[in-house]
Amino acid sequence: MPEIKSISQMIEEISFHYQKRRKQKEAGKISTVPEASHTLVYDSSSETLEPVYFFILDLMNDFGLAPQKLIDNFSSTPGSGHFAELGQRATIMQQQATKILGDINTVLRSVLNIIYDLKDFKMRLQHYDLLKSNKKEEQEASVLALKQIWMDKVDIAKGNSSIKAMALGQAGYQTLIDAFLMANNEKEVNKIDLNDRVKRILKPRIQEFLIWLKESEKELRKRYELEKNYLRSQVNSLKLYSHWVKPYLKASQDLEAREKEREPALVKTFNTILLELTLLGKNKLDIADEALKGNLPKEFSKPKFLNKVKRNYYSCILVDFTFRGIPQRVSQQAHYVFGGRAEVTFKAYALNDDELNKLDEELKKSEIGDVLNLIEGTSTESLGQLEEEINFFLEEKSEDEKKRISDQSNPFLALIGKYESSNTKQPKSKKEMQTKETIVKKDDWIEENLVRPLTAETAKGRVFDMFDVYKKAHNMVSYT
């Protein structure tokens, strides 16, 4: 896993409050940027590290913090058995993912070919639709276009006896192409000034074209619907393969060790592992309840004030775990236990909605987010690029469906403009549906002087209580 910023650094860069506190720290006016920070150290090579983590996790839940895991990294030495074991598992996941990705590429090529075919069918069907147009110019143009298609696709199969071959290669038939394009039926052939030999060839060709014109439209529309159904089937298969491949890609990424070449604790031939975990828990500040308790002005409990509150504040507890352990394989089992040194740091912050949303954005932009985006792009981004064209064909309704929908329309709803508003409403584009970048606005006077200080005091008290409970429960050495 590539190097990323710590969560504490992200919070300091996001929040105007902590940027101000950091400047004060650099000037020597305060000693710490977080509201409070406490550290626990537990060192025991004979006892496993899992109880340390799960005790704190359960403790955060007991405090109502609803913790989320933000960082989960590990690094093991190349000479350890743990490194070899995870390497084998990662290879298996990668092989499975590669096999499914090959199937995805095959189906994706099929989807592309179907879309190109549907586009060709759509263009051909437009000529048939224009035959029913009220404008004479459009009708004539569509007939001429279909005659060209018939000569190039159907009549050309006759070889030397085709219209084009005879007109261009045989003497006396130079007018055959022009006459064929001019005549619309057998009767019109007699009105054209042509010799009898040309007329005898032209009449059956006109008859063949009219039969082809009628039958080809039926077959083309039938083929068009079949291709759309096939496209729907292939798209569903592509989505299914994409769903299958994600767990393998995610598992192979999770099994990759984070590179830490200059870490002194990782000696290549030692049996050592480093684990890094970060948990973030938050608890919303109840302004009305705090006002009733007297911690805030009583006016803050009234609905008139609460309706004006634009963002909530949270007491946030950030817990950083750094484990340096010795992986020991459980006898006759395929997993390891870890004993060693655990350093746990508790930090308290007061953050609002904007700052928490910005923190989520920064995590997605970091290398962690890049890896997840790569997984997402490998499995679904190719389909997303074709989404508009796929939806154009799959959501297209036939003429019978349109008539059935129009027949079932409620006339009373039409009176109030129900169908007009639904038809004029345009779907949002992909860019419009994307969330905009969160802007963290500065605190107003009430937030800066009343709400945030109270949230900070609550966070400081809660983080000390957690620190104190765990220290007394385990009799651990602590550093503040």
Protein backbone atom coordinates (compact mmCIF):
# COMPACT_ATOMS: atom_id res chain seq x y z
CA MET A 1 0.00 0.00 0.00
CA PRO A 2 1.50 3.38 -0.96
CA GLU A 3 2.15 6.07 1.63
CA ILE A 4 -0.83 8.26 2.46
CA LYS A 5 -1.47 11.16 4.79
CA SER A 6 -2.54 10.32 8.31
CA ILE A 7 -6.13 11.01 9.28
CA SER A 8 -4.92 13.62 11.77
CA GLN A 9 -3.13 15.52 9.00
CA MET A 10 -6.24 15.41 6.85
CA ILE A 11 -8.39 16.80 9.66
CA GLU A 12 -5.93 19.63 10.31
CA GLU A 13 -5.85 20.58 6.63
CA ILE A 14 -9.64 20.42 6.25
CA SER A 15 -10.83 22.29 9.33
CA PHE A 16 -10.38 26.06 9.61
CA HIS A 17 -10.50 25.59 13.36
CA TYR A 18 -7.52 23.24 13.44
CA GLN A 19 -5.59 25.29 10.91
CA LYS A 20 -5.92 28.15 13.38
CA ARG A 21 -4.92 25.90 16.26
CA ARG A 22 -1.92 24.63 14.29
CA LYS A 23 -0.71 28.20 13.71
CA GLN A 24 -1.03 28.83 17.44
CA LYS A 25 0.93 25.67 18.11
CA GLU A 26 3.71 26.75 15.75
CA ALA A 27 3.82 30.09 17.58
CA GLY A 28 4.20 28.24 20.89
CA LYS A 29 0.87 29.37 22.34
CA ILE A 30 -0.63 25.87 22.73
CA SER A 31 0.88 22.43 23.16
CA THR A 32 -1.31 20.26 20.91
CA VAL A 33 -3.50 20.62 17.81
CA PRO A 34 -6.22 18.05 18.71
CA GLU A 35 -8.51 18.90 21.62
CA ALA A 36 -6.87 16.10 23.63
CA SER A 37 -4.48 13.22 22.97
CA HIS A 38 -3.63 10.16 25.10
CA THR A 39 -1.40 7.17 24.32
CA LEU A 40 -1.39 3.61 25.67
CA VAL A 41 1.43 1.10 25.25
CA TYR A 42 0.95 -2.63 25.76
CA ASP A 43 3.88 -4.99 25.24
CA SER A 44 3.47 -8.74 25.55
CA SER A 45 4.90 -11.25 23.08
CA SER A 46 3.02 -14.13 24.71
CA GLU A 47 -0.46 -12.63 24.44
CA THR A 48 -2.29 -11.95 21.20
CA LEU A 49 -3.08 -8.45 19.93
CA GLU A 50 -6.66 -9.08 18.84
CA PRO A 51 -8.13 -8.55 22.33
CA VAL A 52 -6.57 -5.08 22.49
CA TYR A 53 -8.29 -4.05 19.28
CA PHE A 54 -11.67 -5.60 19.98
CA PHE A 55 -11.82 -4.30 23.55
CA ILE A 56 -11.39 -0.73 22.28
CA LEU A 57 -13.82 -1.35 19.43
CA ASP A 58 -16.48 -2.57 21.85
CA LEU A 59 -15.65 0.30 24.20
CA MET A 60 -16.29 2.84 21.43
CA ASN A 61 -19.62 1.18 20.71
CA ASP A 62 -20.51 1.32 24.40
CA PHE A 63 -19.83 5.07 24.33
CA GLY A 64 -22.26 5.41 21.41
CA LEU A 65 -19.57 6.44 18.89
CA ALA A 66 -20.50 3.99 16.09
CA PRO A 67 -16.85 3.58 14.96
CA GLN A 68 -15.75 3.23 11.34
CA LYS A 69 -12.47 1.73 10.13
CA LEU A 70 -10.57 4.24 8.01
CA ILE A 71 -7.13 2.62 7.62
CA ASP A 72 -6.11 -1.04 7.73
CA ASN A 73 -2.51 -1.67 6.59
CA PHE A 74 0.06 -4.35 7.28
CA SER A 75 3.72 -5.00 6.45
CA SER A 76 5.52 -8.27 7.04
CA THR A 77 9.14 -9.18 6.51
CA PRO A 78 9.95 -11.22 3.36
CA GLY A 79 11.59 -13.97 5.41
CA SER A 80 8.52 -14.66 7.53
CA GLY A 81 6.09 -17.50 6.96
CA HIS A 82 3.24 -15.01 7.15
CA PHE A 83 4.56 -13.20 4.06
CA ALA A 84 4.75 -16.44 2.04
CA GLU A 85 1.28 -17.56 3.18
CA LEU A 86 -0.43 -14.31 2.19
CA GLY A 87 1.53 -14.20 -1.07
CA GLN A 88 0.09 -17.58 -2.07
CA ARG A 89 -3.44 -16.48 -1.20
CA ALA A 90 -3.03 -13.25 -3.15
CA THR A 91 -1.83 -15.21 -6.20
CA ILE A 92 -4.93 -17.42 -6.10
CA MET A 93 -7.20 -14.36 -5.93
CA GLN A 94 -5.35 -12.72 -8.83
CA GLN A 95 -5.64 -15.83 -11.00
CA GLN A 96 -9.38 -16.06 -10.41
CA ALA A 97 -9.80 -12.35 -11.12
CA THR A 98 -7.77 -12.63 -14.35
CA LYS A 99 -9.96 -15.49 -15.57
CA ILE A 100 -13.19 -13.56 -14.97
CA LEU A 101 -11.73 -10.39 -16.51
CA GLY A 102 -11.06 -12.39 -19.66
CA ASP A 103 -14.73 -13.36 -19.78
CA ILE A 104 -15.67 -9.70 -19.22
CA ASN A 105 -13.56 -8.62 -22.20
CA THR A 106 -15.21 -11.26 -24.41
CA VAL A 107 -18.72 -10.15 -23.46
CA LEU A 108 -17.73 -6.49 -23.79
CA ARG A 109 -16.58 -7.03 -27.38
CA SER A 110 -19.91 -8.73 -28.07
CA VAL A 111 -21.78 -5.72 -26.63
CA LEU A 112 -19.79 -3.37 -28.86
CA ASN A 113 -20.58 -5.41 -31.98
CA ILE A 114 -24.28 -5.52 -31.11
CA ILE A 115 -24.38 -1.75 -30.61
CA TYR A 116 -22.77 -1.17 -34.02
CA ASP A 117 -25.28 -3.55 -35.63
CA LEU A 118 -28.19 -1.81 -33.93
CA LYS A 119 -26.96 1.55 -35.20
CA ASP A 120 -26.93 0.20 -38.75
CA PHE A 121 -30.41 -1.24 -38.32
CA LYS A 122 -31.62 2.06 -36.90
CA MET A 123 -30.35 3.97 -39.92
CA ARG A 124 -31.99 1.50 -42.31
CA LEU A 125 -35.29 1.66 -40.45
CA GLN A 126 -35.30 5.44 -40.71
CA HIS A 127 -35.61 5.07 -44.49
CA TYR A 128 -38.65 2.86 -44.04
CA ASP A 129 -40.16 5.33 -41.56
CA LEU A 130 -39.72 8.18 -44.03
CA LEU A 131 -41.71 6.24 -46.62
CA LYS A 132 -44.76 7.07 -44.50
CA SER A 133 -43.86 10.75 -44.25
CA ASN A 134 -46.32 13.43 -45.33
CA LYS A 135 -43.59 15.24 -47.23
CA LYS A 136 -43.15 14.07 -50.81
CA GLU A 137 -39.46 15.03 -50.86
CA GLU A 138 -38.71 12.75 -47.90
CA GLN A 139 -40.61 9.88 -49.48
CA GLU A 140 -38.71 10.19 -52.77
CA ALA A 141 -35.35 10.44 -50.99
CA SER A 142 -36.06 7.34 -48.88
CA VAL A 143 -37.11 5.32 -51.96
CA LEU A 144 -33.92 6.28 -53.78
CA ALA A 145 -31.82 5.34 -50.75
CA LEU A 146 -33.51 1.95 -50.46
CA LYS A 147 -33.04 1.32 -54.18
CA GLN A 148 -29.32 1.98 -53.77
CA ILE A 149 -29.20 -0.47 -50.86
CA TRP A 150 -31.08 -3.09 -52.90
CA MET A 151 -28.67 -2.75 -55.82
CA ASP A 152 -25.60 -2.94 -53.57
CA LYS A 153 -26.78 -5.70 -51.22
CA VAL A 154 -29.32 -7.83 -53.10
CA ASP A 155 -29.10 -7.39 -56.85
CA ILE A 156 -25.31 -7.46 -56.88
CA ALA A 157 -25.49 -11.19 -56.00
CA LYS A 158 -26.61 -11.88 -59.63
CA GLY A 159 -23.11 -11.09 -60.82
CA ASN A 160 -22.86 -10.06 -64.50
CA SER A 161 -26.66 -9.92 -64.84
CA SER A 162 -27.07 -7.36 -62.04
CA ILE A 163 -28.24 -3.86 -62.92
CA LYS A 164 -24.93 -2.20 -62.15
CA ALA A 165 -22.85 -4.82 -63.96
CA MET A 166 -25.02 -4.60 -67.09
CA ALA A 167 -25.16 -0.78 -67.08
CA LEU A 168 -21.43 -0.34 -66.62
CA GLY A 169 -20.11 -3.33 -68.56
CA GLN A 170 -22.48 -4.13 -71.38
CA ALA A 171 -23.35 -1.98 -74.40
CA GLY A 172 -26.96 -0.85 -74.78
CA TYR A 173 -27.77 -0.87 -71.05
CA GLN A 174 -26.23 2.47 -70.02
CA THR A 175 -29.65 3.88 -69.08
CA LEU A 176 -30.62 0.91 -66.89
CA ILE A 177 -29.55 2.44 -63.56
CA ASP A 178 -31.24 5.79 -64.22
CA ALA A 179 -34.42 4.09 -65.38
CA PHE A 180 -34.51 1.84 -62.29
CA LEU A 181 -34.13 4.84 -59.97
CA MET A 182 -36.82 6.77 -61.86
CA ALA A 183 -39.57 4.10 -62.05
CA ASN A 184 -41.65 3.34 -58.96
CA ASN A 185 -43.71 0.48 -60.43
CA GLU A 186 -44.15 -1.59 -63.59
CA LYS A 187 -46.66 0.82 -65.15
CA GLU A 188 -44.22 3.73 -64.96
CA VAL A 189 -41.66 1.70 -66.90
CA ASN A 190 -43.88 1.85 -69.98
CA LYS A 191 -44.01 5.66 -69.80
CA ILE A 192 -40.24 6.00 -69.89
CA ASP A 193 -38.60 6.40 -73.30
CA LEU A 194 -36.59 3.18 -73.36
CA ASN A 195 -36.04 0.40 -75.87
CA ASP A 196 -37.97 -2.81 -75.34
CA ARG A 197 -34.93 -4.82 -74.31
CA VAL A 198 -34.21 -2.51 -71.38
CA LYS A 199 -37.91 -2.49 -70.39
CA ARG A 200 -38.04 -6.29 -70.33
CA ILE A 201 -35.11 -6.36 -67.91
CA LEU A 202 -36.32 -3.43 -65.83
CA LYS A 203 -39.91 -4.62 -65.11
CA PRO A 204 -39.02 -7.81 -63.19
CA ARG A 205 -36.30 -5.91 -61.29
CA ILE A 206 -38.85 -3.29 -60.18
CA GLN A 207 -41.19 -6.09 -59.11
CA GLU A 208 -38.38 -7.78 -57.15
CA PHE A 209 -37.51 -4.49 -55.45
CA LEU A 210 -41.13 -3.86 -54.35
CA ILE A 211 -41.39 -7.37 -52.89
CA TRP A 212 -38.04 -6.90 -51.12
CA LEU A 213 -39.16 -3.50 -49.83
CA LYS A 214 -42.19 -5.02 -48.14
CA GLU A 215 -40.58 -8.14 -46.75
CA SER A 216 -37.25 -6.60 -45.75
CA GLU A 217 -38.94 -4.08 -43.46
CA LYS A 218 -40.67 -6.87 -41.53
CA GLU A 219 -37.48 -8.90 -41.24
CA LEU A 220 -35.38 -5.87 -40.32
CA ARG A 221 -37.72 -4.80 -37.54
CA LYS A 222 -37.85 -8.36 -36.25
CA ARG A 223 -34.04 -8.58 -36.33
CA TYR A 224 -33.81 -5.20 -34.63
CA GLU A 225 -35.94 -6.40 -31.70
CA LEU A 226 -33.99 -9.66 -31.43
CA GLU A 227 -30.71 -7.76 -31.34
CA LYS A 228 -32.04 -5.51 -28.58
CA ASN A 229 -33.05 -8.57 -26.54
CA TYR A 230 -29.62 -10.07 -27.14
CA LEU A 231 -28.01 -6.80 -26.05
CA ARG A 232 -30.02 -6.87 -22.83
CA SER A 233 -28.87 -10.45 -22.19
CA GLN A 234 -25.21 -9.58 -22.80
CA VAL A 235 -25.39 -6.48 -20.59
CA ASN A 236 -26.87 -8.56 -17.76
CA SER A 237 -24.05 -11.09 -18.21
CA LEU A 238 -21.51 -8.28 -18.11
CA LYS A 239 -22.99 -6.94 -14.88
CA LEU A 240 -22.97 -10.42 -13.38
CA TYR A 241 -19.30 -10.99 -14.29
CA SER A 242 -18.47 -7.56 -12.87
CA HIS A 243 -20.21 -8.49 -9.64
CA TRP A 244 -18.26 -11.75 -9.46
CA VAL A 245 -14.84 -10.23 -10.12
CA LYS A 246 -15.01 -7.45 -7.49
CA PRO A 247 -14.49 -9.70 -4.43
CA TYR A 248 -11.40 -11.28 -6.00
CA LEU A 249 -9.91 -7.92 -6.96
CA LYS A 250 -10.66 -6.47 -3.53
CA ALA A 251 -9.25 -9.54 -1.75
CA SER A 252 -6.04 -9.51 -3.80
CA GLN A 253 -5.61 -5.80 -3.00
CA ASP A 254 -6.26 -6.35 0.71
CA LEU A 255 -3.62 -9.10 0.79
CA GLU A 256 -0.92 -6.76 -0.54
CA ALA A 257 1.57 -5.65 2.08
CA ARG A 258 2.40 -1.97 2.48
CA GLU A 259 5.96 -1.14 1.42
CA LYS A 260 8.09 0.31 4.23
CA GLU A 261 11.69 -0.07 3.12
CA ARG A 262 13.17 2.30 5.73
CA GLU A 263 11.19 0.95 8.70
CA PRO A 264 13.85 -0.26 11.21
CA ALA A 265 11.48 -2.75 12.82
CA LEU A 266 11.20 -4.71 9.58
CA VAL A 267 14.37 -6.75 9.14
CA LYS A 268 14.13 -8.98 6.07
CA THR A 269 15.08 -12.26 7.76
CA PHE A 270 13.17 -11.59 11.00
CA ASN A 271 9.70 -12.99 11.70
CA THR A 272 8.00 -9.62 12.17
CA ILE A 273 4.81 -7.87 11.17
CA LEU A 274 3.59 -4.27 11.50
CA LEU A 275 -0.12 -3.46 11.62
CA GLU A 276 -1.67 0.00 11.30
CA LEU A 277 -5.34 0.57 12.08
CA THR A 278 -7.38 3.74 12.48
CA LEU A 279 -10.90 3.99 13.87
CA LEU A 280 -13.12 7.09 13.87
CA GLY A 281 -16.17 7.37 16.08
CA LYS A 282 -18.54 10.31 16.36
CA ASN A 283 -21.42 11.42 18.53
CA LYS A 284 -23.79 14.20 17.48
CA LEU A 285 -24.19 17.19 19.77
CA ASP A 286 -27.85 17.61 20.77
CA ILE A 287 -28.19 21.40 20.88
CA ALA A 288 -31.72 21.39 22.33
CA ASP A 289 -30.76 18.96 25.09
CA GLU A 290 -27.62 20.92 25.97
CA ALA A 291 -29.65 24.14 26.11
CA LEU A 292 -32.12 22.55 28.54
CA LYS A 293 -29.17 21.41 30.70
CA GLY A 294 -27.91 24.99 30.82
CA ASN A 295 -24.75 24.40 28.78
CA LEU A 296 -26.10 26.64 26.00
CA PRO A 297 -28.54 29.60 26.04
CA LYS A 298 -32.14 28.52 26.61
CA GLU A 299 -33.20 30.14 23.33
CA PHE A 300 -31.24 27.41 21.52
CA SER A 301 -33.85 24.82 22.56
CA LYS A 302 -36.66 26.59 20.72
CA PRO A 303 -37.74 25.33 17.26
CA LYS A 304 -37.25 28.81 15.80
CA PHE A 305 -33.50 28.60 16.47
CA LEU A 306 -33.16 24.88 15.67
CA ASN A 307 -34.70 25.40 12.22
CA LYS A 308 -31.93 27.89 11.41
CA VAL A 309 -29.12 25.46 12.28
CA LYS A 310 -27.37 24.67 8.99
CA ARG A 311 -24.98 21.93 10.12
CA ASN A 312 -24.50 19.58 13.03
CA TYR A 313 -21.45 19.24 15.26
CA TYR A 314 -19.95 15.97 16.45
CA SER A 315 -17.64 14.90 19.23
CA CYS A 316 -15.16 12.75 17.30
CA ILE A 317 -12.73 10.21 18.72
CA LEU A 318 -9.85 9.08 16.50
CA VAL A 319 -8.05 5.92 17.63
CA ASP A 320 -4.73 5.02 15.96
CA PHE A 321 -3.31 1.51 16.48
CA THR A 322 0.30 0.60 15.71
CA PHE A 323 1.10 -3.08 16.29
CA ARG A 324 4.57 -4.60 16.08
CA GLY A 325 4.14 -8.31 16.43
CA ILE A 326 5.54 -11.78 15.87
CA PRO A 327 3.23 -13.89 13.68
CA GLN A 328 2.81 -17.39 15.05
CA ARG A 329 1.00 -20.06 13.06
CA VAL A 330 -1.70 -21.90 14.95
CA SER A 331 -0.93 -25.61 14.92
CA GLN A 332 -2.78 -27.58 12.23
CA GLN A 333 -4.65 -24.44 11.14
CA ALA A 334 -4.23 -21.98 8.25
CA HIS A 335 -4.12 -18.73 10.20
CA TYR A 336 -1.77 -16.79 12.48
CA VAL A 337 -1.95 -15.10 15.86
CA PHE A 338 0.06 -12.01 16.73
CA GLY A 339 1.75 -11.15 19.97
CA GLY A 340 3.91 -8.09 20.51
CA ARG A 341 3.81 -4.37 21.19
CA ALA A 342 0.65 -2.31 20.75
CA GLU A 343 0.67 1.48 20.79
CA VAL A 344 -2.79 3.04 20.88
CA THR A 345 -3.37 6.80 20.57
CA PHE A 346 -6.71 8.41 21.42
CA LYS A 347 -7.40 11.85 19.93
CA ALA A 348 -10.42 14.10 20.43
CA TYR A 349 -11.82 16.45 17.77
CA ALA A 350 -14.87 18.67 17.34
CA LEU A 351 -16.00 18.48 13.70
CA ASN A 352 -19.09 19.58 11.79
CA ASP A 353 -20.92 18.02 8.83
CA ASP A 354 -18.87 19.89 6.23
CA GLU A 355 -15.56 18.81 7.75
CA LEU A 356 -16.61 15.15 8.00
CA ASN A 357 -17.85 15.15 4.39
CA LYS A 358 -14.59 16.75 3.29
CA LEU A 359 -12.67 14.08 5.18
CA ASP A 360 -14.55 11.38 3.26
CA GLU A 361 -13.66 13.11 -0.02
CA GLU A 362 -9.99 13.32 0.91
CA LEU A 363 -9.93 9.62 1.77
CA LYS A 364 -11.41 8.80 -1.65
CA LYS A 365 -8.80 10.99 -3.34
CA SER A 366 -5.94 9.33 -1.47
CA GLU A 367 -4.10 6.23 -2.63
CA ILE A 368 -6.64 4.08 -0.77
CA GLY A 369 -9.38 5.59 -2.88
CA ASP A 370 -7.29 5.24 -6.04
CA VAL A 371 -6.96 1.50 -5.51
CA LEU A 372 -10.69 1.12 -4.98
CA ASN A 373 -11.38 3.26 -8.06
CA LEU A 374 -9.04 1.03 -10.05
CA ILE A 375 -11.03 -2.00 -8.96
CA GLU A 376 -14.28 -0.26 -9.84
CA GLY A 377 -12.92 0.89 -13.20
CA THR A 378 -11.65 -2.57 -14.10
CA SER A 379 -15.06 -4.14 -13.63
CA THR A 380 -17.69 -1.51 -14.45
CA GLU A 381 -16.17 1.64 -15.99
CA SER A 382 -16.11 0.16 -19.49
CA LEU A 383 -19.81 -0.54 -19.21
CA GLY A 384 -20.40 2.97 -17.87
CA GLN A 385 -18.83 4.54 -20.95
CA LEU A 386 -21.38 2.72 -23.12
CA GLU A 387 -24.24 3.40 -20.73
CA GLU A 388 -25.89 6.12 -22.80
CA GLU A 389 -25.89 4.09 -26.01
CA ILE A 390 -27.04 0.94 -24.24
CA ASN A 391 -29.89 2.77 -22.51
CA PHE A 392 -30.90 4.37 -25.82
CA PHE A 393 -31.65 0.97 -27.32
CA LEU A 394 -32.89 -0.87 -24.21
CA GLU A 395 -35.27 1.90 -23.14
CA GLU A 396 -36.60 2.47 -26.65
CA LYS A 397 -40.30 1.59 -26.97
CA SER A 398 -41.86 0.06 -30.06
CA GLU A 399 -44.81 1.68 -31.84
CA ASP A 400 -47.25 -0.83 -30.29
CA GLU A 401 -45.98 -0.07 -26.79
CA LYS A 402 -46.29 3.68 -27.40
CA LYS A 403 -49.89 3.26 -28.58
CA ARG A 404 -50.75 1.05 -25.61
CA ILE A 405 -49.32 3.60 -23.19
CA SER A 406 -51.18 6.45 -24.89
CA ASP A 407 -54.45 4.47 -24.80
CA GLN A 408 -54.08 3.90 -21.06
CA SER A 409 -53.49 7.57 -20.33
CA ASN A 410 -55.84 9.13 -17.80
CA PRO A 411 -57.68 12.10 -19.39
CA PHE A 412 -58.27 13.72 -16.00
CA LEU A 413 -54.53 13.74 -15.27
CA ALA A 414 -53.90 15.22 -18.69
CA LEU A 415 -56.14 18.15 -17.81
CA ILE A 416 -53.79 19.25 -15.04
CA GLY A 417 -50.67 18.81 -17.17
CA LYS A 418 -49.49 15.52 -15.68
CA TYR A 419 -48.09 14.04 -18.92
CA GLU A 420 -46.76 17.35 -20.17
CA SER A 421 -44.60 17.84 -17.10
CA SER A 422 -43.37 14.24 -17.12
CA ASN A 423 -42.43 14.43 -20.80
CA THR A 424 -40.61 17.74 -20.53
CA LYS A 425 -38.60 16.66 -17.53
CA GLN A 426 -35.16 15.73 -18.77
CA PRO A 427 -33.08 13.12 -16.96
CA LYS A 428 -30.00 14.32 -15.21
CA SER A 429 -26.74 13.81 -17.00
CA LYS A 430 -23.86 11.90 -15.48
CA LYS A 431 -21.99 15.10 -14.64
CA GLU A 432 -25.06 16.60 -12.96
CA MET A 433 -25.53 13.48 -10.84
CA GLN A 434 -21.94 13.60 -9.59
CA THR A 435 -21.62 15.13 -6.15
CA LYS A 436 -20.02 18.53 -6.03
CA GLU A 437 -16.86 19.13 -4.03
CA THR A 438 -17.62 19.96 -0.42
CA ILE A 439 -16.65 23.45 0.70
CA VAL A 440 -15.94 23.84 4.41
CA LYS A 441 -17.34 27.20 5.46
CA LYS A 442 -15.91 29.15 8.38
CA ASP A 443 -17.67 29.01 11.71
CA ASP A 444 -20.06 31.82 12.47
CA TRP A 445 -19.96 33.56 15.86
CA ILE A 446 -22.33 31.12 17.56
CA GLU A 447 -20.49 28.08 16.23
CA GLU A 448 -17.04 29.40 17.07
CA ASN A 449 -17.81 30.69 20.56
CA LEU A 450 -20.57 28.41 21.83
CA VAL A 451 -21.26 25.24 19.83
CA ARG A 452 -17.74 24.12 18.90
CA PRO A 453 -16.21 24.76 22.36
CA LEU A 454 -18.98 22.71 23.98
CA THR A 455 -18.48 19.92 21.43
CA ALA A 456 -14.73 20.02 22.08
CA GLU A 457 -15.21 19.76 25.85
CA THR A 458 -17.54 16.82 25.37
CA ALA A 459 -14.99 15.10 23.12
CA LYS A 460 -12.18 15.75 25.61
CA GLY A 461 -14.18 14.25 28.45
CA ARG A 462 -15.23 11.24 26.43
CA VAL A 463 -11.72 10.48 25.12
CA PHE A 464 -10.27 10.69 28.64
CA ASP A 465 -12.97 8.38 29.97
CA MET A 466 -12.14 5.82 27.28
CA PHE A 467 -8.43 6.15 27.96
CA ASP A 468 -8.95 5.86 31.72
CA VAL A 469 -11.29 2.86 31.49
CA TYR A 470 -8.92 0.90 29.29
CA LYS A 471 -5.84 1.83 31.35
CA LYS A 472 -7.43 0.76 34.62
CA ALA A 473 -8.89 -2.40 33.11
CA HIS A 474 -5.51 -3.59 31.82
CA ASN A 475 -3.07 -1.78 34.13
CA MET A 476 -1.15 -0.48 31.12
CA VAL A 477 1.75 1.96 30.88
CA SER A 478 0.51 5.26 29.47
CA TYR A 479 1.97 8.38 27.88
CA THR A 480 -0.09 11.60 27.66
